Amino acid sequence: MTGTPIPVAEAIDLPTRVWAPGFLRRHNLQLWVGGALLGVIVLLAALAPLLTSYDPAETDPASALLGPGSGHLLGTDNLGRDTWSRLLYGGRVDLSIAFIAVLVPFVGGVLIGTVCGYVGGWLDMLVMRIADIVVAFPFYVLVIALVFVLGSGRQSIFIAISVVSWVAYARIVRAEVLVLRNREFIEAGRASGLGGPRVVFRHVLPNVVTQAIVYSMSDIVMNVGVIVTLSYFGLGIVPPTPDWGGMMSNGQQFLAGGYYSLTLIPAAAVVLTSLALSLVGDGLAHALRINR
């Protein structure tokens, strides 16, 4: 008697798990594209001395207003200065100020917002009223007014941005702390005998700082805009130091003659930098939102 054949299960090829960062597995295209674009821009600015042999401040009247490719990669301006060289060195100036000017408002705003949200009371009310006064004025108007009073230059830009920008970080972090301070693990920390500073720095701060990090990308974009705007109106970087805003302002007077590249090239650099920072900020927000 022939038995019924026993069915044999076919082998199934299981997919091999390949390690990859979480934001890559989640197809966080914004973060990758923004990071790559920003990395290229920063790298070009950082390697400026190696990528050009021209001094960005050196004038050559005999070579004024040359077009791209005429011995100069992107041509020259009305004083014969190499546009490619000024673009790279101007990026070094603008980006360094924009990134460094975020540090003080970030650290100060995060600490102020954390303490105010956790402690509350008269301290919270006083600081928030000061913040309301600062917010009552448009960001650009207040920064430009402060630089006008303090005078042109990097130091004035740093001070003006720091005086205004800390408010946004403080308000963002304070709102997060108000939600977090009554959570069970915070109450458990207090009940176990942990002091206020230890609870704040060990349990509260690490859980609220991520939103401030995401916002810092937008803040850098605003800083770039402020620096370029100030220089465009003659209140920012002092010539002959190259700067994207100064290049745009200088090139504007030659638009009628058809020399569009003098203005469009630095303007494109500003747009690409802002786009890269915005994509990085959106990508970070997406990654942190998923990881929550």
Protein backbone atom coordinates (compact mmCIF):
# COMPACT_ATOMS: atom_id res chain seq x y z
CA MET A 1 0.00 0.00 0.00
CA THR A 2 1.41 3.25 -1.15
CA GLY A 3 1.18 6.04 1.41
CA THR A 4 0.17 9.57 0.65
CA PRO A 5 3.27 11.59 -0.07
CA ILE A 6 4.15 14.04 2.67
CA PRO A 7 4.23 17.58 1.32
CA VAL A 8 7.58 19.23 1.64
CA ALA A 9 7.67 22.94 2.27
CA GLU A 10 9.64 24.92 -0.24
CA ALA A 11 12.59 26.87 1.05
CA ILE A 12 11.86 30.54 1.39
CA ASP A 13 14.66 33.00 0.89
CA LEU A 14 14.39 35.38 3.79
CA PRO A 15 15.75 38.85 3.15
CA THR A 16 19.07 39.50 4.79
CA ARG A 17 18.91 42.42 7.16
CA VAL A 18 21.42 45.04 6.24
CA TRP A 19 22.49 47.47 8.93
CA ALA A 20 21.77 51.11 8.19
CA PRO A 21 21.09 54.20 10.29
CA GLY A 22 17.49 54.69 11.30
CA PHE A 23 16.99 57.81 9.20
CA LEU A 24 18.34 55.95 6.12
CA ARG A 25 16.00 52.99 6.64
CA ARG A 26 13.11 55.43 6.89
CA HIS A 27 14.04 57.00 3.55
CA ASN A 28 14.81 60.39 5.06
CA LEU A 29 15.71 61.90 1.70
CA GLN A 30 15.51 65.48 2.96
CA LEU A 31 18.24 64.97 5.53
CA TRP A 32 20.56 63.23 3.08
CA VAL A 33 20.09 65.72 0.24
CA GLY A 34 20.32 68.72 2.55
CA GLY A 35 23.33 67.32 4.37
CA ALA A 36 25.15 66.53 1.12
CA LEU A 37 24.43 69.97 -0.34
CA LEU A 38 25.42 71.74 2.86
CA GLY A 39 28.56 69.62 3.13
CA VAL A 40 29.64 70.61 -0.38
CA ILE A 41 29.04 74.31 0.33
CA VAL A 42 30.93 74.21 3.63
CA LEU A 43 33.76 72.20 2.07
CA LEU A 44 34.15 74.68 -0.80
CA ALA A 45 34.29 77.57 1.66
CA ALA A 46 36.73 75.77 3.97
CA LEU A 47 39.08 74.84 1.10
CA ALA A 48 38.98 78.29 -0.51
CA PRO A 49 42.79 78.82 -0.33
CA LEU A 50 43.30 75.54 -2.22
CA LEU A 51 40.58 76.10 -4.84
CA THR A 52 41.66 79.52 -6.06
CA SER A 53 44.97 81.26 -6.59
CA TYR A 54 43.54 84.78 -6.57
CA ASP A 55 43.41 87.11 -3.59
CA PRO A 56 39.73 88.06 -3.11
CA ALA A 57 40.70 91.65 -2.25
CA GLU A 58 43.30 92.15 -4.98
CA THR A 59 42.19 94.64 -7.64
CA ASP A 60 43.20 94.66 -11.31
CA PRO A 61 41.52 97.50 -13.24
CA ALA A 62 42.85 96.11 -16.54
CA SER A 63 40.80 92.93 -16.00
CA ALA A 64 37.57 94.60 -14.86
CA LEU A 65 34.20 93.12 -15.77
CA LEU A 66 35.51 90.06 -17.57
CA GLY A 67 32.98 87.33 -18.30
CA PRO A 68 33.10 83.77 -16.93
CA GLY A 69 35.85 81.63 -18.42
CA SER A 70 38.10 84.49 -19.55
CA GLY A 71 41.05 83.44 -17.43
CA HIS A 72 38.76 83.68 -14.41
CA LEU A 73 36.29 80.85 -13.72
CA LEU A 74 33.34 83.14 -12.93
CA GLY A 75 34.75 86.38 -14.33
CA THR A 76 35.69 89.53 -12.46
CA ASP A 77 33.89 92.49 -10.92
CA ASN A 78 34.22 96.21 -11.71
CA LEU A 79 37.54 96.39 -9.85
CA GLY A 80 39.01 93.32 -11.54
CA ARG A 81 38.62 91.10 -8.47
CA ASP A 82 38.11 87.40 -9.16
CA THR A 83 34.44 86.49 -8.61
CA TRP A 84 35.11 82.80 -7.84
CA SER A 85 37.65 83.74 -5.18
CA ARG A 86 35.33 86.32 -3.61
CA LEU A 87 32.45 83.82 -3.67
CA LEU A 88 34.43 81.18 -1.74
CA TYR A 89 35.97 83.57 0.76
CA GLY A 90 32.65 85.37 1.16
CA GLY A 91 31.07 82.02 2.01
CA ARG A 92 33.70 81.48 4.69
CA VAL A 93 32.85 84.81 6.28
CA ASP A 94 29.05 84.53 6.08
CA LEU A 95 28.79 80.88 7.11
CA SER A 96 31.24 81.20 10.00
CA ILE A 97 29.30 84.16 11.42
CA ALA A 98 25.93 82.45 10.84
CA PHE A 99 26.96 79.22 12.59
CA ILE A 100 28.87 80.80 15.47
CA ALA A 101 26.11 83.36 16.08
CA VAL A 102 23.74 80.47 16.84
CA LEU A 103 25.81 79.08 19.72
CA VAL A 104 25.29 81.80 22.31
CA PRO A 105 21.50 82.18 21.75
CA PHE A 106 21.12 78.39 21.64
CA VAL A 107 22.93 77.71 24.91
CA GLY A 108 21.52 80.76 26.69
CA GLY A 109 17.97 80.30 25.42
CA VAL A 110 17.86 76.58 26.22
CA LEU A 111 19.13 77.13 29.77
CA ILE A 112 16.80 80.09 30.40
CA GLY A 113 13.78 78.24 29.00
CA THR A 114 14.55 75.12 31.00
CA VAL A 115 14.97 76.95 34.30
CA CYS A 116 11.91 79.17 33.76
CA GLY A 117 9.69 76.26 32.78
CA TYR A 118 10.81 74.07 35.66
CA VAL A 119 10.91 76.70 38.43
CA GLY A 120 7.98 78.86 37.29
CA GLY A 121 6.80 81.64 39.59
CA TRP A 122 8.02 85.23 39.43
CA LEU A 123 11.20 84.29 37.54
CA ASP A 124 9.22 82.70 34.73
CA MET A 125 6.83 85.66 34.56
CA LEU A 126 9.67 88.24 34.48
CA VAL A 127 11.69 86.48 31.78
CA MET A 128 8.63 85.82 29.61
CA ARG A 129 7.60 89.47 29.79
CA ILE A 130 11.08 90.46 28.59
CA ALA A 131 10.71 87.88 25.81
CA ASP A 132 7.34 89.36 24.84
CA ILE A 133 8.92 92.81 24.51
CA VAL A 134 11.64 91.44 22.20
CA VAL A 135 9.12 89.47 20.11
CA ALA A 136 6.96 92.57 19.70
CA PHE A 137 9.51 93.87 17.16
CA PRO A 138 10.16 92.10 13.82
CA PHE A 139 13.37 90.05 13.94
CA TYR A 140 15.09 91.69 10.97
CA VAL A 141 14.10 95.21 11.98
CA LEU A 142 15.42 94.79 15.53
CA VAL A 143 18.73 93.25 14.41
CA ILE A 144 19.28 95.94 11.76
CA ALA A 145 18.47 98.66 14.30
CA LEU A 146 20.95 97.22 16.82
CA VAL A 147 23.71 96.94 14.22
CA PHE A 148 22.99 100.51 13.12
CA VAL A 149 23.51 101.65 16.73
CA LEU A 150 26.55 99.44 17.41
CA GLY A 151 28.22 100.03 14.05
CA SER A 152 29.28 97.74 11.20
CA GLY A 153 31.43 94.65 11.69
CA ARG A 154 31.33 91.07 12.88
CA GLN A 155 31.20 91.88 16.59
CA SER A 156 28.12 94.06 16.15
CA ILE A 157 26.39 91.31 14.17
CA PHE A 158 27.17 88.75 16.89
CA ILE A 159 25.81 90.98 19.63
CA ALA A 160 22.67 91.95 17.70
CA ILE A 161 21.77 88.35 16.81
CA SER A 162 22.45 87.09 20.34
CA VAL A 163 20.28 89.80 21.92
CA VAL A 164 17.32 88.85 19.72
CA SER A 165 17.64 85.12 18.96
CA TRP A 166 17.72 83.66 22.49
CA VAL A 167 13.99 84.39 22.90
CA ALA A 168 12.87 81.77 20.37
CA TYR A 169 14.94 79.02 22.03
CA ALA A 170 13.72 79.99 25.50
CA ARG A 171 10.06 79.91 24.49
CA ILE A 172 10.36 76.59 22.63
CA VAL A 173 12.15 74.85 25.49
CA ARG A 174 9.93 76.40 28.17
CA ALA A 175 6.82 75.04 26.46
CA GLU A 176 8.36 71.56 26.38
CA VAL A 177 9.38 71.75 30.04
CA LEU A 178 5.89 72.82 31.15
CA VAL A 179 4.54 69.60 29.64
CA LEU A 180 7.38 67.45 30.95
CA ARG A 181 7.81 68.63 34.52
CA ASN A 182 4.71 66.81 35.82
CA ARG A 183 5.47 63.49 34.11
CA GLU A 184 5.84 60.37 36.24
CA PHE A 185 9.59 59.90 35.84
CA ILE A 186 10.24 63.53 36.87
CA GLU A 187 8.05 63.06 39.96
CA ALA A 188 9.89 59.82 40.69
CA GLY A 189 13.23 61.60 40.49
CA ARG A 190 12.09 64.22 42.97
CA ALA A 191 10.64 61.56 45.28
CA SER A 192 13.91 59.63 45.25
CA GLY A 193 15.70 62.65 46.70
CA LEU A 194 17.34 64.10 43.60
CA GLY A 195 17.95 67.83 43.85
CA GLY A 196 16.43 70.31 41.44
CA PRO A 197 19.61 70.96 39.37
CA ARG A 198 20.22 67.23 38.98
CA VAL A 199 16.66 66.59 37.85
CA VAL A 200 16.88 69.46 35.37
CA PHE A 201 20.22 68.58 33.80
CA ARG A 202 19.89 64.79 33.94
CA HIS A 203 16.22 64.22 33.11
CA VAL A 204 14.56 67.39 31.86
CA LEU A 205 17.14 68.99 29.58
CA PRO A 206 17.98 65.90 27.46
CA ASN A 207 14.26 65.45 26.72
CA VAL A 208 13.58 69.01 25.56
CA VAL A 209 16.74 70.04 23.71
CA THR A 210 15.87 68.18 20.48
CA GLN A 211 13.27 70.76 19.42
CA ALA A 212 15.83 73.52 19.93
CA ILE A 213 18.34 71.64 17.76
CA VAL A 214 15.79 71.38 14.95
CA TYR A 215 14.97 75.07 15.23
CA SER A 216 18.67 75.99 15.12
CA MET A 217 18.75 75.03 11.42
CA SER A 218 16.05 77.61 10.68
CA ASP A 219 17.90 80.07 12.88
CA ILE A 220 21.06 79.68 10.81
CA VAL A 221 19.03 80.38 7.67
CA MET A 222 17.76 83.59 9.28
CA ASN A 223 21.29 84.51 10.31
CA VAL A 224 22.53 84.11 6.75
CA GLY A 225 19.68 86.32 5.59
CA VAL A 226 20.49 88.95 8.22
CA ILE A 227 24.21 89.01 7.38
CA VAL A 228 23.55 89.28 3.65
CA THR A 229 20.90 91.97 4.15
CA LEU A 230 23.12 94.04 6.42
CA SER A 231 26.04 93.86 4.00
CA TYR A 232 23.75 94.67 1.09
CA PHE A 233 22.80 97.94 2.79
CA GLY A 234 26.37 98.66 3.88
CA LEU A 235 25.85 97.83 7.58
CA GLY A 236 27.43 94.38 7.74
CA ILE A 237 30.89 93.13 6.81
CA VAL A 238 33.31 95.98 6.28
CA PRO A 239 34.97 96.07 2.80
CA PRO A 240 37.30 94.91 1.36
CA THR A 241 36.44 91.68 3.20
CA PRO A 242 34.39 89.62 0.71
CA ASP A 243 30.77 88.92 1.54
CA TRP A 244 27.81 87.62 -0.47
CA GLY A 245 25.62 90.59 0.43
CA GLY A 246 28.34 93.05 -0.50
CA MET A 247 28.87 91.24 -3.82
CA MET A 248 25.16 91.50 -4.61
CA SER A 249 25.07 95.17 -3.72
CA ASN A 250 28.17 95.92 -5.77
CA GLY A 251 26.91 93.99 -8.79
CA GLN A 252 23.46 95.57 -8.81
CA GLN A 253 24.73 98.80 -10.32
CA PHE A 254 25.95 96.90 -13.40
CA LEU A 255 22.71 95.03 -14.16
CA ALA A 256 21.72 97.59 -16.78
CA GLY A 257 24.97 96.84 -18.64
CA GLY A 258 24.14 93.12 -18.83
CA TYR A 259 26.55 91.95 -16.14
CA TYR A 260 23.96 89.79 -14.43
CA SER A 261 26.43 87.23 -13.05
CA LEU A 262 27.85 89.73 -10.54
CA THR A 263 24.52 89.67 -8.69
CA LEU A 264 23.07 86.28 -9.63
CA ILE A 265 26.08 84.19 -8.59
CA PRO A 266 26.18 85.30 -4.90
CA ALA A 267 22.36 85.29 -4.84
CA ALA A 268 22.39 81.66 -6.01
CA ALA A 269 24.87 80.82 -3.25
CA VAL A 270 22.53 82.33 -0.65
CA VAL A 271 19.53 80.43 -2.04
CA LEU A 272 21.36 77.08 -2.18
CA THR A 273 22.72 77.50 1.36
CA SER A 274 19.28 78.38 2.71
CA LEU A 275 17.73 75.43 0.86
CA ALA A 276 20.34 73.03 2.25
CA LEU A 277 19.83 74.23 5.83
CA SER A 278 16.04 74.04 5.47
CA LEU A 279 16.24 70.46 4.16
CA VAL A 280 18.52 69.45 7.03
CA GLY A 281 16.13 71.02 9.53
CA ASP A 282 13.11 69.25 8.02
CA GLY A 283 15.02 65.97 7.93
CA LEU A 284 16.06 66.27 11.56
CA ALA A 285 12.50 67.08 12.56
CA HIS A 286 11.24 64.01 10.71
CA ALA A 287 13.88 61.73 12.24
CA LEU A 288 13.33 62.98 15.79
CA ARG A 289 9.55 62.81 15.40
CA ILE A 290 9.76 59.14 14.37
CA ASN A 291 12.17 58.28 17.17
CA ARG A 292 9.85 59.72 19.81
